[in-house]
């Protein structure tokens, strides 16, 4: 099995946060996470805001991609509220 280039540029933690965001968005929208984005796409987004992946185009961008970029750039936070992950805009960001 070919080895995947995980954690390029030390982005492993960013990918982990993007996975939590993806699960929260998918749960909120009632769709399977893999329909919105794959792990490979999350890795590409972690590496570059301009990654050419489906989750940064069309309806996927509107549903998830914009939130992913905002989280990555410190404009969106994840909080736990009654045991559920919620999204919070970060004031002044």
C-alpha atoms as a PDB file:
ATOM      1  CA  UNK A   1       0.000   0.000   0.000  1.00  0.00           C
ATOM      2  CA  UNK A   2       1.498   3.405  -0.941  1.00  0.00           C
ATOM      3  CA  UNK A   3       2.452   5.659   1.918  1.00  0.00           C
ATOM      4  CA  UNK A   4       0.357   8.808   2.251  1.00  0.00           C
ATOM      5  CA  UNK A   5       2.082  12.074   2.942  1.00  0.00           C
ATOM      6  CA  UNK A   6       0.422  12.811   6.258  1.00  0.00           C
ATOM      7  CA  UNK A   7       1.191  15.889   8.232  1.00  0.00           C
ATOM      8  CA  UNK A   8       2.994  17.790   5.504  1.00  0.00           C
ATOM      9  CA  UNK A   9       4.158  21.086   6.909  1.00  0.00           C
ATOM     10  CA  UNK A  10       2.971  19.977  10.370  1.00  0.00           C
ATOM     11  CA  UNK A  11      -0.712  20.301   9.419  1.00  0.00           C
ATOM     12  CA  UNK A  12      -1.895  17.228  11.347  1.00  0.00           C
ATOM     13  CA  UNK A  13      -3.613  19.265  14.054  1.00  0.00           C
ATOM     14  CA  UNK A  14      -5.292  21.456  11.455  1.00  0.00           C
ATOM     15  CA  UNK A  15      -6.622  18.358   9.682  1.00  0.00           C
ATOM     16  CA  UNK A  16      -7.958  17.079  13.013  1.00  0.00           C
ATOM     17  CA  UNK A  17      -9.837  20.351  13.596  1.00  0.00           C
ATOM     18  CA  UNK A  18     -11.190  20.264  10.045  1.00  0.00           C
ATOM     19  CA  UNK A  19     -12.453  16.713  10.669  1.00  0.00           C
ATOM     20  CA  UNK A  20     -14.366  17.884  13.754  1.00  0.00           C
ATOM     21  CA  UNK A  21     -15.811  20.794  11.759  1.00  0.00           C
ATOM     22  CA  UNK A  22     -16.785  18.451   8.910  1.00  0.00           C
ATOM     23  CA  UNK A  23     -18.565  16.084  11.289  1.00  0.00           C
ATOM     24  CA  UNK A  24     -20.418  18.984  12.938  1.00  0.00           C
ATOM     25  CA  UNK A  25     -21.524  20.446   9.587  1.00  0.00           C
ATOM     26  CA  UNK A  26     -22.551  17.036   8.233  1.00  0.00           C
ATOM     27  CA  UNK A  27     -24.573  16.300  11.373  1.00  0.00           C
ATOM     28  CA  UNK A  28     -26.258  19.709  11.214  1.00  0.00           C
ATOM     29  CA  UNK A  29     -27.122  19.243   7.525  1.00  0.00           C
ATOM     30  CA  UNK A  30     -28.081  15.569   7.801  1.00  0.00           C
ATOM     31  CA  UNK A  31     -25.615  14.287   5.207  1.00  0.00           C
ATOM     32  CA  UNK A  32     -22.668  11.917   5.289  1.00  0.00           C
ATOM     33  CA  UNK A  33     -19.336  13.708   5.815  1.00  0.00           C
ATOM     34  CA  UNK A  34     -17.732  11.966   2.806  1.00  0.00           C
ATOM     35  CA  UNK A  35     -20.284  13.584   0.512  1.00  0.00           C
ATOM     36  CA  UNK A  36     -18.945  16.979   1.581  1.00  0.00           C
ATOM     37  CA  UNK A  37     -15.194  16.312   1.805  1.00  0.00           C
ATOM     38  CA  UNK A  38     -12.651  13.504   1.950  1.00  0.00           C
ATOM     39  CA  UNK A  39      -9.641  13.261   4.242  1.00  0.00           C
ATOM     40  CA  UNK A  40      -7.429  14.002   1.237  1.00  0.00           C
ATOM     41  CA  UNK A  41      -9.370  17.215   0.627  1.00  0.00           C
ATOM     42  CA  UNK A  42      -9.009  18.206   4.287  1.00  0.00           C
ATOM     43  CA  UNK A  43      -5.263  17.634   4.030  1.00  0.00           C
ATOM     44  CA  UNK A  44      -5.121  19.811   0.910  1.00  0.00           C
ATOM     45  CA  UNK A  45      -7.111  22.588   2.619  1.00  0.00           C
ATOM     46  CA  UNK A  46      -4.804  22.375   5.636  1.00  0.00           C
ATOM     47  CA  UNK A  47      -1.859  22.898   3.269  1.00  0.00           C
ATOM     48  CA  UNK A  48      -3.389  25.707   1.186  1.00  0.00           C
ATOM     49  CA  UNK A  49      -6.351  28.097   1.249  1.00  0.00           C
ATOM     50  CA  UNK A  50      -6.363  27.811  -2.557  1.00  0.00           C
ATOM     51  CA  UNK A  51      -6.441  24.017  -2.807  1.00  0.00           C
ATOM     52  CA  UNK A  52      -8.224  22.859  -5.951  1.00  0.00           C
ATOM     53  CA  UNK A  53     -10.589  20.379  -4.282  1.00  0.00           C
ATOM     54  CA  UNK A  54     -14.360  19.865  -4.626  1.00  0.00           C
ATOM     55  CA  UNK A  55     -15.021  21.000  -1.050  1.00  0.00           C
ATOM     56  CA  UNK A  56     -13.778  24.488  -1.986  1.00  0.00           C
ATOM     57  CA  UNK A  57     -16.092  24.761  -5.011  1.00  0.00           C
ATOM     58  CA  UNK A  58     -19.841  25.122  -5.542  1.00  0.00           C
ATOM     59  CA  UNK A  59     -22.342  23.969  -2.934  1.00  0.00           C
ATOM     60  CA  UNK A  60     -19.646  22.226  -0.894  1.00  0.00           C
ATOM     61  CA  UNK A  61     -17.757  25.502  -0.489  1.00  0.00           C
ATOM     62  CA  UNK A  62     -20.918  27.242   0.671  1.00  0.00           C
ATOM     63  CA  UNK A  63     -21.791  24.413   3.063  1.00  0.00           C
ATOM     64  CA  UNK A  64     -18.317  23.591   4.404  1.00  0.00           C
ATOM     65  CA  UNK A  65     -15.393  25.176   2.553  1.00  0.00           C
ATOM     66  CA  UNK A  66     -15.942  28.746   3.710  1.00  0.00           C
ATOM     67  CA  UNK A  67     -16.241  27.550   7.318  1.00  0.00           C
ATOM     68  CA  UNK A  68     -13.093  25.444   6.944  1.00  0.00           C
ATOM     69  CA  UNK A  69     -11.096  28.432   5.710  1.00  0.00           C
ATOM     70  CA  UNK A  70     -12.518  30.644   8.465  1.00  0.00           C
ATOM     71  CA  UNK A  71     -11.561  28.058  11.116  1.00  0.00           C
ATOM     72  CA  UNK A  72      -8.101  27.681   9.636  1.00  0.00           C
ATOM     73  CA  UNK A  73      -7.590  31.449   9.588  1.00  0.00           C
ATOM     74  CA  UNK A  74      -8.784  32.087  13.155  1.00  0.00           C
ATOM     75  CA  UNK A  75     -12.140  33.622  12.241  1.00  0.00           C
ATOM     76  CA  UNK A  76     -14.269  30.712  13.455  1.00  0.00           C
ATOM     77  CA  UNK A  77     -14.093  28.644  16.619  1.00  0.00           C
ATOM     78  CA  UNK A  78     -15.506  25.338  17.768  1.00  0.00           C
ATOM     79  CA  UNK A  79     -17.189  25.084  21.156  1.00  0.00           C
ATOM     80  CA  UNK A  80     -19.032  22.368  23.028  1.00  0.00           C
ATOM     81  CA  UNK A  81     -22.576  23.220  23.991  1.00  0.00           C
ATOM     82  CA  UNK A  82     -24.667  20.566  25.737  1.00  0.00           C
ATOM     83  CA  UNK A  83     -22.403  17.872  24.342  1.00  0.00           C
ATOM     84  CA  UNK A  84     -22.602  19.079  20.740  1.00  0.00           C
ATOM     85  CA  UNK A  85     -20.002  20.894  18.667  1.00  0.00           C
ATOM     86  CA  UNK A  86     -21.167  24.389  17.732  1.00  0.00           C
ATOM     87  CA  UNK A  87     -19.550  26.997  15.507  1.00  0.00           C
ATOM     88  CA  UNK A  88     -18.780  30.465  16.841  1.00  0.00           C
ATOM     89  CA  UNK A  89     -17.484  33.466  14.940  1.00  0.00           C
ATOM     90  CA  UNK A  90     -14.505  35.021  16.652  1.00  0.00           C
ATOM     91  CA  UNK A  91     -15.061  38.726  17.295  1.00  0.00           C
ATOM     92  CA  UNK A  92     -12.427  41.051  15.900  1.00  0.00           C
ATOM     93  CA  UNK A  93     -10.918  38.409  13.671  1.00  0.00           C
END
